[in-house]
Structures are given as C-alpha cells and as structure tokens.
C-alpha cells in the first residue's frame, strides 16, 4: 500500500544507501579498531600505531563525527529519513576537522599518506550530501 504524500522509492536510493553504508562501514571498523587499541592486529607498525595514539581528544572527536555521521547518514537514507541530510552535514564537519589535524597539525607517517583515499572520502561524503538533499527536495525522504 502506497503512503499518500510520499514519493515511490527510486531504485537508485537502495544502490546509493547500500554502497555508502558498505564504504562508511570500513571507516567505522578502522575507527573502532583504533579506539580499542587493536591496530597491531591489523599489521600496523609501531610508528603508525604511535601516530594514531598521539591524536588529541578533539581530533578523535572530529574523526568520530565524520565516521559515525556518515554511517548514520547511510542508514537514514535507507530508512528514507530527511535527517540523512543532517547526519551528512555532521560527517562533513567531522571530516573537515580531522583533515585539519591530519594535514596541518600532525606529521603523518609516510606509510599512512594516501591523498587518493582522502579525495575518495571527500567525494563520497559530498556526493551523499548532494544526493540526500536532492532526495529530500524530491519528497523521497520525509
């Protein structure tokens, strides 16, 4: 039964929601492993582990906002909630804050430098913001 006043769910919402949830879950896994002190289990060197352990609390807070905001946005998108836009905005703020720390205030070990990954994270997050905003305007997200 179709709800009155709600647009039919387009097929691409499911594709975008599932793919972004999978992509963002990798960030959630990375964040969780870091916070649990399990980086050695991932094969990281002592210098790489020391880099992550040296992050100040505010940088970790921005990282958490970025990661969990993006995961929440993907879930809210799949639930067709307009709050997906708010969650992506939180993710963008978190991403911006964590990038300021990483690239302007810390010395990233050579083995962890990956500009292509940073670009992909930005592209994905900004795409999610564009997509969620567009789906809200179209009446798909309520």
C-alpha atoms as a PDB file:
ATOM      1  CA  UNK A   1       0.000   0.000   0.000  1.00  0.00           C
ATOM      2  CA  UNK A   2       1.415   3.380  -1.066  1.00  0.00           C
ATOM      3  CA  UNK A   3       1.579   6.170   1.507  1.00  0.00           C
ATOM      4  CA  UNK A   4      -0.127   9.391   0.494  1.00  0.00           C
ATOM      5  CA  UNK A   5       2.258  12.320   0.015  1.00  0.00           C
ATOM      6  CA  UNK A   6       5.346  10.172  -0.217  1.00  0.00           C
ATOM      7  CA  UNK A   7       7.205   9.555  -3.437  1.00  0.00           C
ATOM      8  CA  UNK A   8       7.898   5.982  -4.504  1.00  0.00           C
ATOM      9  CA  UNK A   9      11.366   4.836  -3.507  1.00  0.00           C
ATOM     10  CA  UNK A  10      13.630   5.067  -6.555  1.00  0.00           C
ATOM     11  CA  UNK A  11      15.847   2.055  -7.243  1.00  0.00           C
ATOM     12  CA  UNK A  12      18.979   4.202  -7.024  1.00  0.00           C
ATOM     13  CA  UNK A  13      18.268   5.085  -3.380  1.00  0.00           C
ATOM     14  CA  UNK A  14      18.848   1.447  -2.451  1.00  0.00           C
ATOM     15  CA  UNK A  15      22.053   1.301  -4.503  1.00  0.00           C
ATOM     16  CA  UNK A  16      23.422   4.539  -3.035  1.00  0.00           C
ATOM     17  CA  UNK A  17      22.332   3.642   0.501  1.00  0.00           C
ATOM     18  CA  UNK A  18      23.827   0.152   0.474  1.00  0.00           C
ATOM     19  CA  UNK A  19      27.077   1.125  -1.277  1.00  0.00           C
ATOM     20  CA  UNK A  20      27.687   4.101   1.003  1.00  0.00           C
ATOM     21  CA  UNK A  21      26.875   2.008   4.065  1.00  0.00           C
ATOM     22  CA  UNK A  22      29.457  -0.580   2.995  1.00  0.00           C
ATOM     23  CA  UNK A  23      32.038   2.146   2.239  1.00  0.00           C
ATOM     24  CA  UNK A  24      31.390   4.011   5.500  1.00  0.00           C
ATOM     25  CA  UNK A  25      31.483   0.768   7.496  1.00  0.00           C
ATOM     26  CA  UNK A  26      35.156   0.419   6.574  1.00  0.00           C
ATOM     27  CA  UNK A  27      35.738   3.760   8.303  1.00  0.00           C
ATOM     28  CA  UNK A  28      33.708   2.594  11.283  1.00  0.00           C
ATOM     29  CA  UNK A  29      35.797  -0.576  11.508  1.00  0.00           C
ATOM     30  CA  UNK A  30      39.025   1.440  11.308  1.00  0.00           C
ATOM     31  CA  UNK A  31      37.851   3.880  13.967  1.00  0.00           C
ATOM     32  CA  UNK A  32      36.705   1.078  16.282  1.00  0.00           C
ATOM     33  CA  UNK A  33      39.944  -0.893  15.915  1.00  0.00           C
ATOM     34  CA  UNK A  34      41.928   2.266  16.669  1.00  0.00           C
ATOM     35  CA  UNK A  35      39.908   3.109  19.774  1.00  0.00           C
ATOM     36  CA  UNK A  36      40.146  -0.480  21.037  1.00  0.00           C
ATOM     37  CA  UNK A  37      43.935  -0.488  20.599  1.00  0.00           C
ATOM     38  CA  UNK A  38      43.831  -3.280  18.022  1.00  0.00           C
ATOM     39  CA  UNK A  39      45.980  -1.639  15.319  1.00  0.00           C
ATOM     40  CA  UNK A  40      48.761  -4.198  15.799  1.00  0.00           C
ATOM     41  CA  UNK A  41      46.233  -6.881  14.821  1.00  0.00           C
ATOM     42  CA  UNK A  42      45.780  -5.019  11.516  1.00  0.00           C
ATOM     43  CA  UNK A  43      49.500  -5.268  10.798  1.00  0.00           C
ATOM     44  CA  UNK A  44      50.400  -1.666  11.585  1.00  0.00           C
ATOM     45  CA  UNK A  45      53.946  -0.767  12.571  1.00  0.00           C
ATOM     46  CA  UNK A  46      54.875   0.821  15.897  1.00  0.00           C
ATOM     47  CA  UNK A  47      55.338   4.244  14.250  1.00  0.00           C
ATOM     48  CA  UNK A  48      51.880   4.017  12.659  1.00  0.00           C
ATOM     49  CA  UNK A  49      50.308   2.978  15.955  1.00  0.00           C
ATOM     50  CA  UNK A  50      52.138   5.791  17.778  1.00  0.00           C
ATOM     51  CA  UNK A  51      50.754   8.279  15.257  1.00  0.00           C
ATOM     52  CA  UNK A  52      47.152   7.255  15.948  1.00  0.00           C
ATOM     53  CA  UNK A  53      47.714   7.096  19.703  1.00  0.00           C
ATOM     54  CA  UNK A  54      49.101  10.646  19.669  1.00  0.00           C
ATOM     55  CA  UNK A  55      45.871  12.173  18.340  1.00  0.00           C
ATOM     56  CA  UNK A  56      44.427  14.709  20.784  1.00  0.00           C
ATOM     57  CA  UNK A  57      40.898  14.147  22.062  1.00  0.00           C
ATOM     58  CA  UNK A  58      39.447  16.887  19.845  1.00  0.00           C
ATOM     59  CA  UNK A  59      40.891  15.236  16.709  1.00  0.00           C
ATOM     60  CA  UNK A  60      39.413  11.892  17.757  1.00  0.00           C
ATOM     61  CA  UNK A  61      36.081  13.633  18.348  1.00  0.00           C
ATOM     62  CA  UNK A  62      36.093  15.054  14.816  1.00  0.00           C
ATOM     63  CA  UNK A  63      37.062  11.645  13.432  1.00  0.00           C
ATOM     64  CA  UNK A  64      34.140  10.084  15.321  1.00  0.00           C
ATOM     65  CA  UNK A  65      31.732  12.724  13.988  1.00  0.00           C
ATOM     66  CA  UNK A  66      32.925  12.054  10.450  1.00  0.00           C
ATOM     67  CA  UNK A  67      32.748   8.280  10.618  1.00  0.00           C
ATOM     68  CA  UNK A  68      29.561   7.813  12.640  1.00  0.00           C
ATOM     69  CA  UNK A  69      27.816  10.737  10.953  1.00  0.00           C
ATOM     70  CA  UNK A  70      28.432   9.099   7.579  1.00  0.00           C
ATOM     71  CA  UNK A  71      27.246   5.686   8.778  1.00  0.00           C
ATOM     72  CA  UNK A  72      24.136   7.254  10.311  1.00  0.00           C
ATOM     73  CA  UNK A  73      23.502   9.126   7.054  1.00  0.00           C
ATOM     74  CA  UNK A  74      23.626   5.898   5.045  1.00  0.00           C
ATOM     75  CA  UNK A  75      21.226   4.175   7.436  1.00  0.00           C
ATOM     76  CA  UNK A  76      18.872   7.177   7.497  1.00  0.00           C
ATOM     77  CA  UNK A  77      18.957   7.281   3.709  1.00  0.00           C
ATOM     78  CA  UNK A  78      17.869   3.634   3.593  1.00  0.00           C
ATOM     79  CA  UNK A  79      15.123   4.469   6.103  1.00  0.00           C
ATOM     80  CA  UNK A  80      14.072   7.353   3.841  1.00  0.00           C
ATOM     81  CA  UNK A  81      14.541   9.904   6.605  1.00  0.00           C
ATOM     82  CA  UNK A  82      15.202  13.564   5.811  1.00  0.00           C
ATOM     83  CA  UNK A  83      17.552  13.540   8.804  1.00  0.00           C
ATOM     84  CA  UNK A  84      20.068  11.861   6.499  1.00  0.00           C
ATOM     85  CA  UNK A  85      20.970  15.396   5.357  1.00  0.00           C
ATOM     86  CA  UNK A  86      21.705  16.449   8.945  1.00  0.00           C
ATOM     87  CA  UNK A  87      23.829  13.355   9.514  1.00  0.00           C
ATOM     88  CA  UNK A  88      25.880  14.042   6.371  1.00  0.00           C
ATOM     89  CA  UNK A  89      26.435  17.639   7.490  1.00  0.00           C
ATOM     90  CA  UNK A  90      27.789  16.270  10.778  1.00  0.00           C
ATOM     91  CA  UNK A  91      30.020  13.913   8.769  1.00  0.00           C
ATOM     92  CA  UNK A  92      31.347  16.817   6.671  1.00  0.00           C
ATOM     93  CA  UNK A  93      32.156  18.803   9.824  1.00  0.00           C
ATOM     94  CA  UNK A  94      33.931  15.773  11.272  1.00  0.00           C
ATOM     95  CA  UNK A  95      35.840  15.153   8.060  1.00  0.00           C
ATOM     96  CA  UNK A  96      36.924  18.777   7.862  1.00  0.00           C
ATOM     97  CA  UNK A  97      38.113  18.810  11.480  1.00  0.00           C
ATOM     98  CA  UNK A  98      40.014  15.549  11.186  1.00  0.00           C
ATOM     99  CA  UNK A  99      41.642  16.660   7.922  1.00  0.00           C
ATOM    100  CA  UNK A 100      42.761  19.932   9.521  1.00  0.00           C
ATOM    101  CA  UNK A 101      44.515  17.928  12.219  1.00  0.00           C
ATOM    102  CA  UNK A 102      45.977  15.340   9.845  1.00  0.00           C
ATOM    103  CA  UNK A 103      47.297  17.686   7.189  1.00  0.00           C
ATOM    104  CA  UNK A 104      48.005  20.914   9.081  1.00  0.00           C
ATOM    105  CA  UNK A 105      48.868  19.909  12.628  1.00  0.00           C
ATOM    106  CA  UNK A 106      50.471  16.468  12.582  1.00  0.00           C
ATOM    107  CA  UNK A 107      53.261  14.595  10.874  1.00  0.00           C
ATOM    108  CA  UNK A 108      51.616  11.666   9.096  1.00  0.00           C
ATOM    109  CA  UNK A 109      53.989   8.712   8.675  1.00  0.00           C
ATOM    110  CA  UNK A 110      54.912   8.156   5.030  1.00  0.00           C
ATOM    111  CA  UNK A 111      53.268   4.725   5.054  1.00  0.00           C
ATOM    112  CA  UNK A 112      49.905   6.270   6.013  1.00  0.00           C
ATOM    113  CA  UNK A 113      49.889   9.062   3.437  1.00  0.00           C
ATOM    114  CA  UNK A 114      47.154   8.425   0.919  1.00  0.00           C
ATOM    115  CA  UNK A 115      45.871  11.540  -0.838  1.00  0.00           C
ATOM    116  CA  UNK A 116      43.750   9.380  -3.158  1.00  0.00           C
ATOM    117  CA  UNK A 117      41.907   7.893  -0.169  1.00  0.00           C
ATOM    118  CA  UNK A 118      41.297  11.357   1.276  1.00  0.00           C
ATOM    119  CA  UNK A 119      39.916  12.528  -2.075  1.00  0.00           C
ATOM    120  CA  UNK A 120      37.631   9.476  -2.287  1.00  0.00           C
ATOM    121  CA  UNK A 121      36.316  10.099   1.225  1.00  0.00           C
ATOM    122  CA  UNK A 122      35.560  13.732   0.342  1.00  0.00           C
ATOM    123  CA  UNK A 123      33.943  12.795  -2.974  1.00  0.00           C
ATOM    124  CA  UNK A 124      31.763  10.152  -1.321  1.00  0.00           C
ATOM    125  CA  UNK A 125      30.734  12.393   1.570  1.00  0.00           C
ATOM    126  CA  UNK A 126      29.921  15.390  -0.639  1.00  0.00           C
ATOM    127  CA  UNK A 127      28.027  13.116  -3.032  1.00  0.00           C
ATOM    128  CA  UNK A 128      25.985  11.829  -0.085  1.00  0.00           C
ATOM    129  CA  UNK A 129      25.174  15.421   0.901  1.00  0.00           C
ATOM    130  CA  UNK A 130      24.106  16.263  -2.650  1.00  0.00           C
ATOM    131  CA  UNK A 131      22.087  13.056  -3.011  1.00  0.00           C
ATOM    132  CA  UNK A 132      20.321  13.258   0.360  1.00  0.00           C
ATOM    133  CA  UNK A 133      19.467  16.922  -0.245  1.00  0.00           C
ATOM    134  CA  UNK A 134      18.093  16.122  -3.680  1.00  0.00           C
ATOM    135  CA  UNK A 135      16.026  13.196  -2.406  1.00  0.00           C
ATOM    136  CA  UNK A 136      14.626  15.412   0.364  1.00  0.00           C
ATOM    137  CA  UNK A 137      13.620  18.109  -2.142  1.00  0.00           C
ATOM    138  CA  UNK A 138      12.041  15.427  -4.346  1.00  0.00           C
ATOM    139  CA  UNK A 139       9.901  14.250  -1.428  1.00  0.00           C
ATOM    140  CA  UNK A 140      11.531  10.819  -1.230  1.00  0.00           C
ATOM    141  CA  UNK A 141      12.999  11.451   2.221  1.00  0.00           C
ATOM    142  CA  UNK A 142      10.480  12.504   4.859  1.00  0.00           C
END
